[in-house]
Every structure is written in C-alpha cells, then in structure tokens.
Amino acid sequence: MAVPKEPDVLRCTNPATGVTYATHPATPVGSVPRIVADVRVAADGWAASPPSSRVAAIAAFLDDLTQHGEEAATAIGAATGKPPGPCLDEVLVAALAGRHLVAHAEGWLAEEVRSDILAPGRRPIVRRVPLGVVTVLGPYNFPFNLSLVPALAAAAGGNGVVIKVSEAVPGVGVAIEAALAKWAGGALARVVRVVHGAAGVGRALTDTVDHAVFVGSVGVGRAVAAAMATRGKGATLELGGKDPALVLDTDAAAISFAAGGVARGAFYNGGQMCVGIERCYVVAPAFDAFVEALVDYVRTHVKAGYAPPPAPGAHPGGPDAFTYGPAIAPGHLAHVDAAVAEAVAAGGKLHTGGRRTPDGRCYEPTVITFPSVEAAKRLKLMTQETFGPVLPVVPVRDVDVAVMEANDAPFGLGAYVWCKDLAHAEAVGRRLHCGGVVTNEAVLQVVLPGLPFGGVGASGLGRLGGREGFLGLTTTQTIVVGRGQSAAEVSWLNLYSVKWGLLRAMCGRRGAAAEVMWEALRHGRASLQRWWGGERPEGKAD
C-alpha cells in the first residue's frame, strides 16, 4: 500500500461550512528530530527546577486560559463546527483538569522514605523523575482538551512535550501554539512545543521521543504502541470504545429519567466521543415504554446543525440552537451510512433519523431497535465503534443477560447503569469489564478531574487524568543512603546457617523469628562452653 504524501500546507477548514478560513505550513518531517532534541535540552533545565516553580508556571498559563477562554472556544468551533456551548465545554474541562493538577502535582511528586528491616540505619528513598520528552498525539473530536491537558500533566512532571493535534483540525494546533507563546509570558513555550502535520510527522515523533500519549483509533494506536515498543519505550493509549448502557428499572418515572440520560450520552458531540453510549440494553418489561420515551426526547431535544460562535463578549442566555454539529473527520459519514444500512437490512427498525441532514455534513439523530439480542448481535452497529449519532436499543431478558451482552465486546472503555437501587446499580457496575462505570448519568467519569480515565482490551493502555494518569508520565528512581553492612549484604556471605536463619526469621510463620533467635542463643552458648572447655581454634590463646 502506497504511503500518502505528507502535506506541505495544512488547510484549516470548518467542517460545518466547508469554508477554509486559514492555511498553515506543515512541519517538515526531517525537522522533527531537531525539534525533539531542542525540547530535550530545554527539559533538562525544566526538570532540575523544583516542582513548585513548574506548577507556578502552569498556574499562570491557566490564568490566561480562563481569561481568554472564549477565544479558545472560538478556535475550537472554527476547526470542528461544534455549537458554541460544547466548544466552551472543552475549555472548561481543560481548565478544571489543569487546576486539579496544579493543586496536587507537588504532593504526587513528593519523595517517600521506605525503611526496611533488611537495611536498618539506611534511608531508602523513592522519587518520581521525568521520562524525558513526551509526545501528545491529540484527536479531532476534543482536540483542545485532549491535547493540552496531557501536555500540561507531562510538563508538571518535569518532561519536555511535543504536541501534534490531528491533521483534521489543524486550527486547534495553531491556537495551542499561539497560546503557549503568549500566555504566562511564554513560560512554557520552550518546554512544550507544537508540530503540525499528518502521519509522517507522527511517525517521526514516535521514532525519537521517550513516551507517547495517543488518543484516537485502535489501528493507529496499535501502530504507535508498536513503534514505541520497538525502541523499548512506552505509550499511553486511549483508543475508543463501544460503551453500553443498561436500563434496569421498569416504572414510568425511572424510564423517562433514563431515556433522557441515555440520549444525552449517545448524541453529545454527534456521537463523536469515545465514552459516548453506542449500545443500549433494556430489560424486556421496560423496553416499549423506554423506546417511546427515548424517541420523544430525541425528537424534542436533539437537533443537528451549525451555529456560528457568538460575538466577542456576547453571552447568549438560552440553550444552543443545535445539540451537535457535523462529522468532523472528512469521509466519516460513509462509515456511519454503512453501519446503519446493514442494521436496517438485518431487520432493525428506524424510529428517528437514519440519514444525513440536507446539507450532507451532519447525520440526523438516529434511534434503531431490534427485537432481540440475536437479531443484532453480529452487526457492525453492535460490534464496531460507530462514532456517530446512532443508538441501537435491544431488549434483554434480565440483568444477567444485560451484563453478559455488555461484556461481549473487544472494547472496554466505559459503561452506564440506570437503576434507582443504588446498591444494585453499583453491584452491576462491578461486573462490567471496562475502565469506568457511571450510574444514572452519562460521561461523568471524563469530567471529574480527580479520576483516572482509560480502558481495557481494545480500548487502550494506561490512564489519563487523576493521580494515576499523572504518575504514568513519570518513572521511579530509588536511592538508598547509608553505610555499613545490612542484612542483605550479610546474606551474600557464604554462611549457609545465616541464610537459613534469615529465611525462617523474616519469611516464616508467626513465631518463627523467636525460634530462630532462641536457636542462635543456644548455639552461641554451646560455642562459648566449647571455647572455655579447651576446644579452641589453632593459634588462639586465652
């Protein structure tokens, strides 16, 4: 297969209008190693500075992010075609995550002394140190938040960072680069750089950096992981999902509540969300009423289209005219078309949508139902990530079948359980094979900045966010300070009896240490008696 030619110029095009509003030169592939080398030099000094100074620089950057948040949201809207509200959502979530990082990073980096019985009098220190240069390969669906926040976390840990935002939304990469140059007086500009380009630039990064953070498709993510592993380096991967919703209640009020929550989780950002709801399993007694409530909610509250951003300083009081905008990636709607067509041909019933909007840029909010699990089981709509505003709904006999079907997927990013009985909802959540479960709400796990976010199986490797995600962008170094023989060093001596005593005393059953000490005392007494009885080694005198 021929490798696509790397572009020389990136066109910043609004997918909602098709209008190119700017162009930007791509980073030459051959210059990437030099850029990484420059960041590595800058990172050496950055890592040597105390965590408090790094955190202070990031806090100042976040001050300016808050001040210029509407400008950032406008840049996101131009690149993605999203309505104004969801654009500001990205800025808000990024700022919240950044503030959480600033509040906790110093504590997460605090050195720890771990004393050990094998080394009395010594001071074993465990410290977190940077990985070196980290690249963040950001996605097109939430390009600002999912590029900037991991970059700030890596920088707080003392790393240098090189960001590459998806070539589908180059305008966001340009906006982040401009922000780094201006905000906080440019304090982060040398240690956090932005490059622009397509796959060739990405490959050049994975050939040179020390760790990669990738958010995107399974195929590309696995290629990133393989490239890093070939060099003995690591990667953090968030590769999408096929998140299920389980609706377990049967009374009218609970069904109505669940219908609204499931709809919001399925259609936010036009389904272009790795933790969006892509499958819905409803217990059979509630199925018909749930579908009716869901369809009513979608027809009343969910609408696809484009609205330009408000004028600077204008703050509209009402909700956005549209729930979501266009398919951001060129050509992606062909994938959605094919999945829906296959489902309809297999007997799926369309209740809403099932087609593109008249301008061809958005896909209408689509609800499709199946009469049974068996009717839907092997369809693309149930097994592959749709990444579009399409929700298949399937009846199940009971909660056990719902759990079994929810777990029957290669992905394992998120899952959602609607049930009034919170204890039961939690118990069901603990049976689901995924990285995060939310009860009676959707998508909350990616909004709370203290939580680690990631999946299992085909959904990726490692975590973003929270303490766990932050520490994953560092590694440990141990330093044992002291002098003199430790028990570990004594064990190196060729003294079988000493080793045997250490093994039983330190690792044996309760009371074994006392037995060993008593044996040692008896052995010492017998040796002393033999000494005074004249059994002295040759050459020794009283």
Protein backbone atom coordinates (compact mmCIF):
# COMPACT_ATOMS: atom_id res chain seq x y z
CA MET A 1 0.00 0.00 0.00
CA ALA A 2 1.38 3.39 -1.00
CA VAL A 3 2.15 5.77 1.85
CA PRO A 4 0.21 9.05 1.41
CA LYS A 5 2.35 12.06 0.64
CA GLU A 6 2.89 14.29 3.64
CA PRO A 7 1.23 17.68 3.03
CA ASP A 8 3.33 20.82 2.84
CA VAL A 9 0.43 23.04 3.88
CA LEU A 10 -2.50 22.28 6.18
CA ARG A 11 -5.87 23.75 5.32
CA CYS A 12 -7.95 24.91 8.28
CA THR A 13 -11.49 24.14 7.11
CA ASN A 14 -14.69 24.37 9.08
CA PRO A 15 -16.43 21.01 8.50
CA ALA A 16 -19.83 22.61 9.08
CA THR A 17 -19.47 25.04 6.20
CA GLY A 18 -16.67 23.67 4.05
CA VAL A 19 -15.01 27.08 4.16
CA THR A 20 -11.22 27.19 4.54
CA TYR A 21 -10.53 30.02 6.95
CA ALA A 22 -6.73 29.72 7.15
CA THR A 23 -3.73 27.74 5.99
CA HIS A 24 -0.66 26.80 7.98
CA PRO A 25 2.67 25.31 6.89
CA ALA A 26 3.19 21.72 7.95
CA THR A 27 6.26 20.87 9.98
CA PRO A 28 8.82 19.21 7.67
CA VAL A 29 9.27 15.59 8.70
CA GLY A 30 13.04 15.97 8.58
CA SER A 31 12.96 18.76 11.18
CA VAL A 32 11.17 16.70 13.84
CA PRO A 33 14.36 15.12 15.34
CA ARG A 34 15.89 18.58 15.75
CA ILE A 35 12.75 19.91 17.43
CA VAL A 36 12.71 16.95 19.82
CA ALA A 37 16.41 17.50 20.55
CA ASP A 38 15.77 21.18 21.34
CA VAL A 39 12.92 20.24 23.68
CA ARG A 40 15.16 17.66 25.34
CA VAL A 41 17.75 20.33 26.11
CA ALA A 42 15.10 22.68 27.47
CA ALA A 43 13.59 19.85 29.51
CA ASP A 44 16.88 19.21 31.32
CA GLY A 45 16.72 22.61 32.99
CA TRP A 46 12.97 22.39 33.46
CA ALA A 47 13.27 19.04 35.26
CA ALA A 48 16.03 20.42 37.50
CA SER A 49 13.73 23.21 38.71
CA PRO A 50 11.63 22.48 41.80
CA PRO A 51 8.11 21.20 41.20
CA SER A 52 6.74 24.35 42.82
CA SER A 53 8.18 26.56 40.06
CA ARG A 54 6.85 24.28 37.32
CA VAL A 55 3.41 24.27 38.92
CA ALA A 56 3.51 28.07 39.24
CA ALA A 57 4.20 28.44 35.51
CA ILE A 58 1.29 26.13 34.68
CA ALA A 59 -0.99 28.03 37.08
CA ALA A 60 -0.12 31.29 35.31
CA PHE A 61 -0.89 29.63 31.97
CA LEU A 62 -4.28 28.56 33.33
CA ASP A 63 -4.98 32.11 34.50
CA ASP A 64 -4.65 33.26 30.90
CA LEU A 65 -6.63 30.28 29.63
CA THR A 66 -9.51 31.39 31.83
CA GLN A 67 -9.14 34.99 30.72
CA HIS A 68 -9.09 34.05 27.04
CA GLY A 69 -11.44 31.09 27.24
CA GLU A 70 -13.90 32.47 24.69
CA GLU A 71 -11.08 32.92 22.17
CA ALA A 72 -10.09 29.29 22.65
CA ALA A 73 -13.71 28.18 22.26
CA THR A 74 -13.99 30.16 19.02
CA ALA A 75 -10.89 28.42 17.65
CA ILE A 76 -12.38 25.04 18.57
CA GLY A 77 -15.66 25.92 16.87
CA ALA A 78 -13.98 27.04 13.68
CA ALA A 79 -11.99 23.81 13.45
CA THR A 80 -14.71 21.35 14.45
CA GLY A 81 -18.03 23.02 13.60
CA LYS A 82 -19.35 22.34 17.12
CA PRO A 83 -22.05 24.56 18.64
CA PRO A 84 -20.72 27.31 20.95
CA GLY A 85 -21.73 25.55 24.21
CA PRO A 86 -19.81 22.31 23.58
CA CYS A 87 -16.80 24.36 22.47
CA LEU A 88 -16.78 26.14 25.82
CA ASP A 89 -17.25 22.74 27.49
CA GLU A 90 -13.83 21.74 26.18
CA VAL A 91 -12.21 24.84 27.63
CA LEU A 92 -13.98 24.38 30.95
CA VAL A 93 -12.99 20.71 31.30
CA ALA A 94 -9.38 21.55 30.36
CA ALA A 95 -9.25 24.36 32.92
CA LEU A 96 -10.74 22.19 35.67
CA ALA A 97 -8.25 19.42 34.96
CA GLY A 98 -5.41 21.92 34.93
CA ARG A 99 -6.41 23.40 38.29
CA HIS A 100 -6.63 19.93 39.81
CA LEU A 101 -3.14 19.24 38.51
CA VAL A 102 -1.81 22.47 40.00
CA ALA A 103 -3.40 21.67 43.36
CA HIS A 104 -1.94 18.17 43.63
CA ALA A 105 1.16 17.76 41.46
CA GLU A 106 3.66 18.74 44.15
CA GLY A 107 2.18 16.22 46.58
CA TRP A 108 2.16 13.49 43.94
CA LEU A 109 5.85 14.17 43.30
CA ALA A 110 6.85 14.16 46.98
CA GLU A 111 9.73 11.83 47.78
CA GLU A 112 8.99 8.88 50.02
CA VAL A 113 11.29 7.19 52.51
CA ARG A 114 10.60 3.46 52.88
CA SER A 115 12.53 1.94 55.77
CA ASP A 116 13.20 -1.79 55.65
CA ILE A 117 14.25 -4.36 58.23
CA LEU A 118 16.93 -5.59 55.83
CA ALA A 119 18.65 -2.20 55.93
CA PRO A 120 18.47 -0.74 59.43
CA GLY A 121 20.10 2.65 59.66
CA ARG A 122 19.79 3.24 55.94
CA ARG A 123 17.40 5.62 54.18
CA PRO A 124 15.75 4.10 51.08
CA ILE A 125 14.24 6.96 49.02
CA VAL A 126 11.69 6.57 46.23
CA ARG A 127 11.30 9.59 43.96
CA ARG A 128 9.42 10.32 40.74
CA VAL A 129 11.52 11.50 37.82
CA PRO A 130 10.59 12.55 34.28
CA LEU A 131 10.53 10.17 31.33
CA GLY A 132 12.28 12.70 29.08
CA VAL A 133 10.37 14.02 26.06
CA VAL A 134 6.71 13.03 25.76
CA THR A 135 4.68 13.45 22.60
CA VAL A 136 0.93 14.02 22.80
CA LEU A 137 -0.86 12.95 19.63
CA GLY A 138 -4.25 14.57 20.03
CA PRO A 139 -7.58 13.58 18.44
CA TYR A 140 -10.06 15.56 16.35
CA ASN A 141 -13.17 15.12 18.49
CA PHE A 142 -11.95 17.03 21.57
CA PRO A 143 -8.69 18.41 20.18
CA PHE A 144 -8.10 21.20 22.67
CA ASN A 145 -8.79 19.37 25.92
CA LEU A 146 -7.27 16.01 24.97
CA SER A 147 -4.11 17.60 23.60
CA LEU A 148 -3.48 20.34 26.15
CA VAL A 149 -4.30 18.56 29.43
CA PRO A 150 -1.93 15.58 28.95
CA ALA A 151 0.74 18.02 27.81
CA LEU A 152 0.40 20.10 30.99
CA ALA A 153 0.48 16.95 33.12
CA ALA A 154 3.65 15.74 31.41
CA ALA A 155 5.25 19.16 31.83
CA ALA A 156 4.34 19.30 35.53
CA GLY A 157 6.18 16.00 35.93
CA GLY A 158 9.35 17.60 34.54
CA ASN A 159 9.12 16.31 30.97
CA GLY A 160 9.53 18.15 27.74
CA VAL A 161 6.49 17.86 25.46
CA VAL A 162 5.81 17.91 21.74
CA ILE A 163 2.13 18.16 20.75
CA LYS A 164 0.70 17.13 17.41
CA VAL A 165 -3.04 17.69 17.03
CA SER A 166 -4.93 15.65 14.43
CA GLU A 167 -4.46 16.97 10.91
CA ALA A 168 -8.28 17.00 10.61
CA VAL A 169 -8.36 20.07 12.91
CA PRO A 170 -5.06 21.91 12.34
CA GLY A 171 -6.56 25.19 13.50
CA VAL A 172 -6.63 23.92 17.08
CA GLY A 173 -2.94 23.07 16.95
CA VAL A 174 -2.22 26.57 15.68
CA ALA A 175 -4.30 28.06 18.52
CA ILE A 176 -2.48 25.99 21.17
CA GLU A 177 0.89 27.01 19.74
CA ALA A 178 -0.10 30.69 19.87
CA ALA A 179 -1.33 30.31 23.44
CA LEU A 180 1.94 28.71 24.54
CA ALA A 181 3.86 31.63 23.01
CA LYS A 182 1.79 34.32 24.75
CA TRP A 183 0.14 33.02 27.90
CA ALA A 184 2.10 33.08 31.16
CA GLY A 185 4.64 35.25 29.35
CA GLY A 186 5.63 32.29 27.19
CA ALA A 187 6.99 30.41 30.22
CA LEU A 188 6.05 27.04 28.72
CA ALA A 189 6.96 27.76 25.10
CA ARG A 190 10.44 26.19 25.12
CA VAL A 191 9.50 23.06 27.01
CA VAL A 192 6.12 22.47 25.30
CA ARG A 193 6.25 22.69 21.51
CA VAL A 194 3.67 22.09 18.79
CA VAL A 195 4.31 20.46 15.42
CA HIS A 196 1.84 20.30 12.56
CA GLY A 197 1.32 17.53 10.06
CA ALA A 198 -0.08 14.13 9.24
CA ALA A 199 1.10 10.55 9.70
CA GLY A 200 4.69 11.21 8.64
CA VAL A 201 5.20 13.78 11.39
CA GLY A 202 3.62 11.39 13.87
CA ARG A 203 5.97 8.58 12.86
CA ALA A 204 8.96 10.91 13.18
CA LEU A 205 7.86 11.68 16.72
CA THR A 206 7.46 8.04 17.74
CA ASP A 207 10.94 7.42 16.33
CA THR A 208 12.53 9.97 18.66
CA VAL A 209 10.56 10.64 21.87
CA ASP A 210 10.67 8.78 25.18
CA HIS A 211 6.92 8.26 25.66
CA ALA A 212 3.82 8.72 23.51
CA VAL A 213 0.31 9.68 24.58
CA PHE A 214 -2.14 8.84 21.82
CA VAL A 215 -5.90 9.40 21.70
CA GLY A 216 -7.60 8.04 18.61
CA SER A 217 -8.40 4.94 16.61
CA VAL A 218 -7.43 1.38 17.50
CA GLY A 219 -5.41 0.80 14.34
CA VAL A 220 -3.28 3.91 14.63
CA GLY A 221 -2.93 3.46 18.39
CA ARG A 222 -1.54 -0.02 17.98
CA ALA A 223 0.91 1.26 15.37
CA VAL A 224 2.06 3.94 17.83
CA ALA A 225 2.49 1.36 20.59
CA ALA A 226 4.46 -0.96 18.27
CA ALA A 227 6.75 1.85 17.14
CA MET A 228 7.47 2.85 20.72
CA ALA A 229 7.95 -0.73 21.90
CA THR A 230 10.47 -1.39 19.14
CA ARG A 231 12.65 1.25 20.79
CA GLY A 232 11.94 -0.01 24.31
CA LYS A 233 9.70 2.96 25.09
CA GLY A 234 6.20 3.15 26.47
CA ALA A 235 2.86 4.58 25.38
CA THR A 236 -0.39 5.68 26.95
CA LEU A 237 -3.28 4.80 24.64
CA GLU A 238 -6.93 5.84 24.73
CA LEU A 239 -8.44 4.08 21.73
CA GLY A 240 -12.17 4.46 21.92
CA GLY A 241 -14.99 2.20 22.91
CA LYS A 242 -18.38 0.68 22.32
CA ASP A 243 -19.88 1.80 25.60
CA PRO A 244 -23.12 0.09 26.70
CA ALA A 245 -25.98 1.49 28.72
CA LEU A 246 -28.05 -0.88 30.88
CA VAL A 247 -31.58 0.23 31.78
CA LEU A 248 -32.93 -1.90 34.62
CA ASP A 249 -35.94 -0.08 36.12
CA THR A 250 -39.50 -0.64 34.95
CA ASP A 251 -41.59 2.17 36.47
CA ALA A 252 -42.61 5.12 34.30
CA ALA A 253 -40.70 7.88 36.12
CA ALA A 254 -37.44 5.92 36.13
CA ILE A 255 -37.85 5.01 32.46
CA SER A 256 -38.37 8.65 31.49
CA PHE A 257 -35.34 9.70 33.53
CA ALA A 258 -33.19 7.01 31.93
CA ALA A 259 -34.34 7.92 28.41
CA GLY A 260 -33.11 11.49 28.76
CA GLY A 261 -29.78 10.43 30.24
CA VAL A 262 -29.15 7.79 27.61
CA ALA A 263 -29.99 10.24 24.82
CA ARG A 264 -27.56 12.83 26.18
CA GLY A 265 -24.85 10.20 26.45
CA ALA A 266 -25.46 8.96 22.92
CA PHE A 267 -25.82 12.21 20.98
CA TYR A 268 -23.47 14.68 22.67
CA ASN A 269 -20.92 15.87 20.10
CA GLY A 270 -22.80 13.91 17.47
CA GLY A 271 -21.67 10.64 18.99
CA GLN A 272 -18.04 11.57 18.28
CA MET A 273 -16.99 10.72 21.80
CA CYS A 274 -15.05 7.72 22.97
CA VAL A 275 -17.23 7.38 26.07
CA GLY A 276 -20.47 8.01 24.24
CA ILE A 277 -23.23 5.44 24.57
CA GLU A 278 -23.16 3.20 21.49
CA ARG A 279 -25.33 0.30 22.67
CA CYS A 280 -28.38 0.21 24.94
CA TYR A 281 -29.78 -2.90 26.65
CA VAL A 282 -33.18 -2.57 28.30
CA VAL A 283 -34.91 -5.19 30.46
CA ALA A 284 -37.85 -6.55 28.47
CA PRO A 285 -40.71 -5.29 30.70
CA ALA A 286 -39.47 -1.70 30.23
CA PHE A 287 -38.49 -1.91 26.57
CA ASP A 288 -41.53 -0.48 24.76
CA ALA A 289 -42.03 2.36 27.24
CA PHE A 290 -38.33 3.20 27.18
CA VAL A 291 -38.20 3.35 23.38
CA GLU A 292 -41.26 5.61 23.34
CA ALA A 293 -39.72 7.95 25.92
CA LEU A 294 -36.35 7.93 24.16
CA VAL A 295 -37.82 8.75 20.75
CA ASP A 296 -39.90 11.53 22.24
CA TYR A 297 -36.84 13.02 23.96
CA VAL A 298 -34.75 12.87 20.78
CA ARG A 299 -37.43 14.49 18.63
CA THR A 300 -37.93 17.23 21.19
CA HIS A 301 -34.41 17.96 22.41
CA VAL A 302 -31.79 16.70 19.94
CA LYS A 303 -31.02 18.56 16.73
CA ALA A 304 -28.04 18.58 14.36
CA GLY A 305 -26.75 21.72 12.69
CA TYR A 306 -24.31 24.60 12.80
CA ALA A 307 -24.44 27.90 14.61
CA PRO A 308 -21.53 30.37 14.40
CA PRO A 309 -19.91 31.45 17.67
CA PRO A 310 -21.37 34.45 19.46
CA ALA A 311 -19.73 37.83 19.05
CA PRO A 312 -16.88 38.52 21.50
CA GLY A 313 -18.31 39.45 24.86
CA ALA A 314 -21.84 38.38 23.95
CA HIS A 315 -23.25 35.75 26.27
CA PRO A 316 -26.44 34.18 24.91
CA GLY A 317 -28.88 33.36 27.67
CA GLY A 318 -30.67 30.42 26.09
CA PRO A 319 -29.51 26.97 25.02
CA ASP A 320 -27.70 26.36 21.77
CA ALA A 321 -29.94 26.10 18.72
CA PHE A 322 -28.29 22.78 17.91
CA THR A 323 -27.19 19.86 20.06
CA TYR A 324 -24.27 18.89 17.86
CA GLY A 325 -22.59 19.77 14.61
CA PRO A 326 -21.08 17.97 11.65
CA ALA A 327 -18.93 14.92 11.27
CA ILE A 328 -15.53 16.44 11.97
CA ALA A 329 -13.36 13.99 10.03
CA PRO A 330 -13.75 14.09 6.24
CA GLY A 331 -15.43 10.97 4.92
CA HIS A 332 -16.50 9.53 8.26
CA LEU A 333 -20.21 9.65 7.45
CA ALA A 334 -19.68 6.89 4.89
CA HIS A 335 -18.83 4.59 7.81
CA VAL A 336 -22.00 5.64 9.64
CA ASP A 337 -24.10 5.17 6.50
CA ALA A 338 -22.78 1.63 6.03
CA ALA A 339 -23.41 0.58 9.64
CA VAL A 340 -26.98 1.86 9.58
CA ALA A 341 -27.73 0.32 6.18
CA GLU A 342 -26.51 -3.08 7.36
CA ALA A 343 -28.63 -2.84 10.51
CA VAL A 344 -31.79 -1.93 8.60
CA ALA A 345 -31.20 -4.73 6.11
CA ALA A 346 -30.93 -7.15 9.05
CA GLY A 347 -34.34 -6.14 10.39
CA GLY A 348 -33.54 -3.14 12.55
CA LYS A 349 -36.41 -0.64 12.91
CA LEU A 350 -35.64 3.04 12.44
CA HIS A 351 -37.56 5.34 14.78
CA THR A 352 -35.69 8.57 14.03
CA GLY A 353 -33.02 9.67 11.59
CA GLY A 354 -31.18 7.11 9.54
CA ARG A 355 -29.87 9.66 7.06
CA ARG A 356 -27.70 12.71 6.64
CA THR A 357 -29.02 16.22 7.03
CA PRO A 358 -29.92 18.01 3.76
CA ASP A 359 -26.53 19.75 3.58
CA GLY A 360 -24.79 16.37 3.82
CA ARG A 361 -22.48 17.47 6.63
CA CYS A 362 -24.32 16.13 9.70
CA TYR A 363 -26.10 12.88 10.47
CA GLU A 364 -29.57 13.05 11.94
CA PRO A 365 -30.01 11.69 15.48
CA THR A 366 -30.89 8.05 14.90
CA VAL A 367 -32.65 5.53 17.14
CA ILE A 368 -32.86 1.98 15.83
CA THR A 369 -34.31 -1.01 17.67
CA PHE A 370 -34.02 -4.76 17.33
CA PRO A 371 -36.47 -7.41 18.52
CA SER A 372 -33.81 -9.48 20.28
CA VAL A 373 -30.16 -9.81 21.14
CA GLU A 374 -29.77 -12.50 18.47
CA ALA A 375 -31.09 -10.19 15.75
CA ALA A 376 -28.46 -7.54 16.47
CA LYS A 377 -25.53 -9.47 17.84
CA ARG A 378 -23.01 -9.55 14.98
CA LEU A 379 -23.85 -6.30 13.23
CA LYS A 380 -21.27 -3.53 12.85
CA LEU A 381 -23.60 -1.27 14.80
CA MET A 382 -23.16 -3.52 17.84
CA THR A 383 -19.51 -4.56 17.49
CA GLN A 384 -17.59 -1.68 15.88
CA GLU A 385 -17.23 1.87 17.09
CA THR A 386 -19.76 3.93 15.12
CA PHE A 387 -18.56 7.34 16.31
CA GLY A 388 -21.77 8.91 15.14
CA PRO A 389 -25.23 9.90 16.42
CA VAL A 390 -26.74 6.42 16.16
CA LEU A 391 -28.16 4.47 19.11
CA PRO A 392 -29.20 0.82 18.79
CA VAL A 393 -31.60 -0.35 21.52
CA VAL A 394 -32.08 -4.03 22.33
CA PRO A 395 -34.38 -5.82 24.83
CA VAL A 396 -32.86 -8.34 27.24
CA ARG A 397 -34.49 -10.91 29.48
CA ASP A 398 -32.88 -9.77 32.72
CA VAL A 399 -29.86 -8.07 34.26
CA ASP A 400 -27.63 -11.13 33.84
CA VAL A 401 -28.18 -11.13 30.08
CA ALA A 402 -27.60 -7.37 30.00
CA VAL A 403 -24.25 -7.78 31.75
CA MET A 404 -23.24 -10.68 29.51
CA GLU A 405 -24.03 -8.72 26.34
CA ALA A 406 -22.37 -5.55 27.65
CA ASN A 407 -19.18 -7.52 28.26
CA ASP A 408 -19.33 -9.25 24.87
CA ALA A 409 -17.18 -6.72 23.03
CA PRO A 410 -13.49 -6.23 22.33
CA PHE A 411 -13.68 -2.73 23.80
CA GLY A 412 -13.82 -1.86 27.48
CA LEU A 413 -13.74 1.88 28.00
CA GLY A 414 -16.92 2.86 29.83
CA ALA A 415 -20.40 1.65 30.76
CA TYR A 416 -23.55 3.11 32.27
CA VAL A 417 -26.20 1.62 34.55
CA TRP A 418 -29.61 3.17 35.13
CA CYS A 419 -31.21 1.80 38.28
CA LYS A 420 -32.90 3.52 41.25
CA ASP A 421 -31.50 0.94 43.67
CA LEU A 422 -28.00 2.36 44.03
CA ALA A 423 -26.60 -0.69 45.78
CA HIS A 424 -27.84 -2.88 42.95
CA ALA A 425 -26.54 -0.42 40.34
CA GLU A 426 -23.10 -0.47 41.96
CA ALA A 427 -23.10 -4.27 42.15
CA VAL A 428 -23.94 -4.47 38.45
CA GLY A 429 -21.21 -1.93 37.65
CA ARG A 430 -18.64 -4.09 39.39
CA ARG A 431 -19.49 -6.92 36.97
CA LEU A 432 -18.77 -4.86 33.86
CA HIS A 433 -15.41 -5.24 32.14
CA CYS A 434 -14.34 -1.67 31.47
CA GLY A 435 -12.25 1.19 32.76
CA GLY A 436 -15.08 3.25 34.23
CA VAL A 437 -18.75 2.88 35.17
CA VAL A 438 -21.25 5.63 35.94
CA THR A 439 -24.69 5.04 37.42
CA ASN A 440 -27.75 7.08 36.44
CA GLU A 441 -25.77 9.55 34.35
CA ALA A 442 -23.51 9.52 31.31
CA VAL A 443 -19.97 10.68 30.65
CA LEU A 444 -19.33 11.92 34.20
CA GLN A 445 -16.07 9.97 34.50
CA VAL A 446 -14.30 12.22 31.98
CA VAL A 447 -15.46 15.42 33.66
CA LEU A 448 -14.23 14.73 37.19
CA PRO A 449 -10.54 15.72 37.13
CA GLY A 450 -9.53 13.53 40.05
CA LEU A 451 -10.44 10.30 38.29
CA PRO A 452 -8.10 8.25 36.11
CA PHE A 453 -9.54 7.67 32.65
CA GLY A 454 -8.83 4.77 30.31
CA GLY A 455 -9.97 1.33 29.30
CA VAL A 456 -9.18 -2.34 28.97
CA GLY A 457 -8.93 -4.61 25.95
CA ALA A 458 -9.03 -2.80 22.62
CA SER A 459 -9.81 0.46 24.40
CA GLY A 460 -6.21 1.12 25.26
CA LEU A 461 -3.39 1.02 27.73
CA GLY A 462 -2.61 3.15 30.76
CA ARG A 463 -4.58 6.07 32.13
CA LEU A 464 -5.05 9.78 31.55
CA GLY A 465 -6.00 12.16 34.33
CA GLY A 466 -6.02 11.95 38.08
CA ARG A 467 -3.07 10.83 40.18
CA GLU A 468 -2.69 7.60 38.22
CA GLY A 469 -2.51 9.33 34.84
CA PHE A 470 -0.02 11.88 36.13
CA LEU A 471 2.29 9.31 37.65
CA GLY A 472 2.16 7.33 34.40
CA LEU A 473 4.04 10.22 32.80
CA THR A 474 6.93 9.79 35.23
CA THR A 475 9.02 6.87 36.41
CA THR A 476 10.62 5.96 39.74
CA GLN A 477 14.17 6.24 40.94
CA THR A 478 15.31 4.67 44.21
CA ILE A 479 18.28 5.93 46.23
CA VAL A 480 19.45 4.00 49.31
CA VAL A 481 21.56 6.23 51.55
CA GLY A 482 23.73 4.82 54.38
CA ARG A 483 26.83 2.79 55.15
CA GLY A 484 27.86 -0.40 56.95
CA GLN A 485 26.65 -3.95 56.47
CA SER A 486 22.94 -4.51 56.03
CA ALA A 487 21.22 -7.84 56.49
CA ALA A 488 21.04 -8.08 52.70
CA GLU A 489 24.81 -7.72 52.42
CA VAL A 490 25.41 -10.27 55.17
CA SER A 491 23.32 -12.75 53.21
CA TRP A 492 25.88 -12.55 50.41
CA LEU A 493 28.46 -14.14 52.70
CA ASN A 494 28.86 -17.85 52.22
CA LEU A 495 27.22 -18.63 55.56
CA TYR A 496 24.51 -21.17 54.99
CA SER A 497 23.33 -21.06 58.59
CA VAL A 498 22.89 -17.29 58.41
CA LYS A 499 20.82 -17.52 55.23
CA TRP A 500 18.70 -20.31 56.68
CA GLY A 501 18.09 -18.27 59.80
CA LEU A 502 17.17 -15.15 57.81
CA LEU A 503 14.74 -17.07 55.63
CA ARG A 504 12.88 -18.57 58.60
CA ALA A 505 13.02 -15.45 60.78
CA MET A 506 11.86 -12.97 58.17
CA CYS A 507 9.56 -15.02 55.95
CA GLY A 508 8.33 -17.86 58.14
CA ARG A 509 5.15 -18.36 60.06
CA ARG A 510 4.27 -16.31 63.10
CA GLY A 511 6.66 -17.09 65.95
CA ALA A 512 9.43 -18.32 63.64
CA ALA A 513 11.64 -15.32 64.40
CA ALA A 514 11.60 -16.11 68.13
CA GLU A 515 12.53 -19.73 67.40
CA VAL A 516 15.49 -18.61 65.29
CA MET A 517 16.65 -16.19 67.98
CA TRP A 518 16.45 -18.96 70.63
CA GLU A 519 18.41 -21.33 68.39
CA ALA A 520 21.06 -18.65 67.88
CA LEU A 521 21.34 -18.09 71.62
CA ARG A 522 21.66 -21.84 72.28
CA HIS A 523 24.25 -22.14 69.51
CA GLY A 524 26.17 -19.22 70.94
CA ARG A 525 26.09 -20.72 74.47
CA ALA A 526 27.32 -24.12 73.25
CA SER A 527 30.14 -22.47 71.30
CA LEU A 528 31.18 -20.49 74.35
CA GLN A 529 31.20 -23.62 76.53
CA ARG A 530 33.35 -25.45 73.98
CA TRP A 531 35.73 -22.50 73.93
CA TRP A 532 36.28 -22.49 77.68
CA GLY A 533 36.43 -26.26 77.63
CA GLY A 534 39.57 -26.09 75.50
CA GLU A 535 38.09 -26.58 72.03
CA ARG A 536 39.86 -23.50 70.68
CA PRO A 537 40.86 -22.97 67.09
CA GLU A 538 44.55 -23.44 66.40
CA GLY A 539 46.68 -20.43 67.26
CA LYS A 540 44.22 -18.95 69.72
CA ALA A 541 45.06 -18.37 73.40
CA ASP A 542 43.13 -17.35 76.47
